[in-house]
Amino acid sequence: MAETDQMEFDLLQRRARAAGYYVNRHKNWDPARGTGDLYLQRAKKWRNEHEETLMSYATADEIHAALAEIERTAAA
């Protein structure tokens, strides 16, 4: 079972897409590790393109904070 509920996850995906990023759940997330179940990376332009993961095993709050920073720097 995922740590992040579906409504929060959908909100994060829409917010990330608007900023040109991609949020998804880790396939092999283990709740015993004490970390989040999400990752953040730049959106791919092409199918074979490899984008570096910016945040790995992050919580929804950590992703929200990272997206707020990205949005703030984009607006400046």
Protein backbone atom coordinates (compact mmCIF):
# COMPACT_ATOMS: atom_id res chain seq x y z
CA MET A 1 0.00 0.00 0.00
CA ALA A 2 1.27 3.47 -0.85
CA GLU A 3 2.04 6.01 1.83
CA THR A 4 0.69 8.95 -0.18
CA ASP A 5 -3.07 8.86 -0.71
CA GLN A 6 -4.43 9.04 -4.25
CA MET A 7 -5.85 12.59 -4.01
CA GLU A 8 -2.54 14.01 -2.78
CA PHE A 9 -0.66 12.05 -5.43
CA ASP A 10 -2.90 13.41 -8.21
CA LEU A 11 -2.39 16.96 -6.94
CA LEU A 12 1.38 16.49 -6.92
CA GLN A 13 1.35 15.08 -10.45
CA ARG A 14 -0.67 18.03 -11.81
CA ARG A 15 1.52 20.56 -10.01
CA ALA A 16 4.73 18.91 -11.23
CA ARG A 17 3.47 18.64 -14.82
CA ALA A 18 2.68 22.36 -14.85
CA ALA A 19 6.27 23.09 -13.81
CA GLY A 20 7.80 20.68 -16.36
CA TYR A 21 8.56 17.89 -13.88
CA TYR A 22 7.34 14.36 -13.24
CA VAL A 23 6.27 12.74 -9.94
CA ASN A 24 5.62 9.05 -9.50
CA ARG A 25 5.67 6.30 -6.88
CA HIS A 26 8.61 3.94 -6.39
CA LYS A 27 7.76 0.40 -7.41
CA ASN A 28 9.89 -1.15 -4.66
CA TRP A 29 9.08 1.20 -1.76
CA ASP A 30 9.45 -0.36 1.67
CA PRO A 31 7.57 1.35 4.54
CA ALA A 32 10.03 -0.13 7.04
CA ARG A 33 12.77 2.17 5.69
CA GLY A 34 11.06 5.23 7.13
CA THR A 35 11.21 7.18 3.87
CA GLY A 36 8.62 8.44 1.43
CA ASP A 37 7.26 6.57 -1.57
CA LEU A 38 7.67 9.27 -4.25
CA TYR A 39 10.32 10.51 -6.64
CA LEU A 40 10.71 13.74 -8.62
CA GLN A 41 12.48 14.25 -11.93
CA ARG A 42 12.37 16.56 -14.93
CA ALA A 43 9.79 15.55 -17.51
CA LYS A 44 11.14 13.65 -20.51
CA LYS A 45 10.76 15.19 -23.94
CA TRP A 46 11.56 11.98 -25.81
CA ARG A 47 10.87 8.36 -24.92
CA ASN A 48 14.53 7.25 -24.87
CA GLU A 49 15.74 10.31 -22.99
CA HIS A 50 17.17 9.69 -19.53
CA GLU A 51 16.48 12.31 -16.89
CA GLU A 52 18.22 12.39 -13.54
CA THR A 53 16.05 11.87 -10.47
CA LEU A 54 16.09 15.04 -8.36
CA MET A 55 14.48 13.55 -5.27
CA SER A 56 14.17 9.88 -4.42
CA TYR A 57 12.12 8.21 -1.67
CA ALA A 58 10.59 11.55 -0.74
CA THR A 59 7.39 12.29 1.14
CA ALA A 60 4.55 14.37 -0.30
CA ASP A 61 5.57 17.31 1.90
CA GLU A 62 9.15 17.18 0.61
CA ILE A 63 7.90 17.12 -3.00
CA HIS A 64 5.58 20.07 -2.30
CA ALA A 65 8.52 22.03 -0.84
CA ALA A 66 10.73 21.23 -3.84
CA LEU A 67 8.00 22.24 -6.29
CA ALA A 68 7.44 25.49 -4.37
CA GLU A 69 11.14 26.30 -4.76
CA ILE A 70 11.03 25.42 -8.46
CA GLU A 71 7.94 27.59 -8.98
CA ARG A 72 9.51 30.48 -7.05
CA THR A 73 12.72 30.43 -9.11
CA ALA A 74 10.74 30.14 -12.36
CA ALA A 75 8.65 33.19 -11.46
CA ALA A 76 11.73 35.30 -10.66
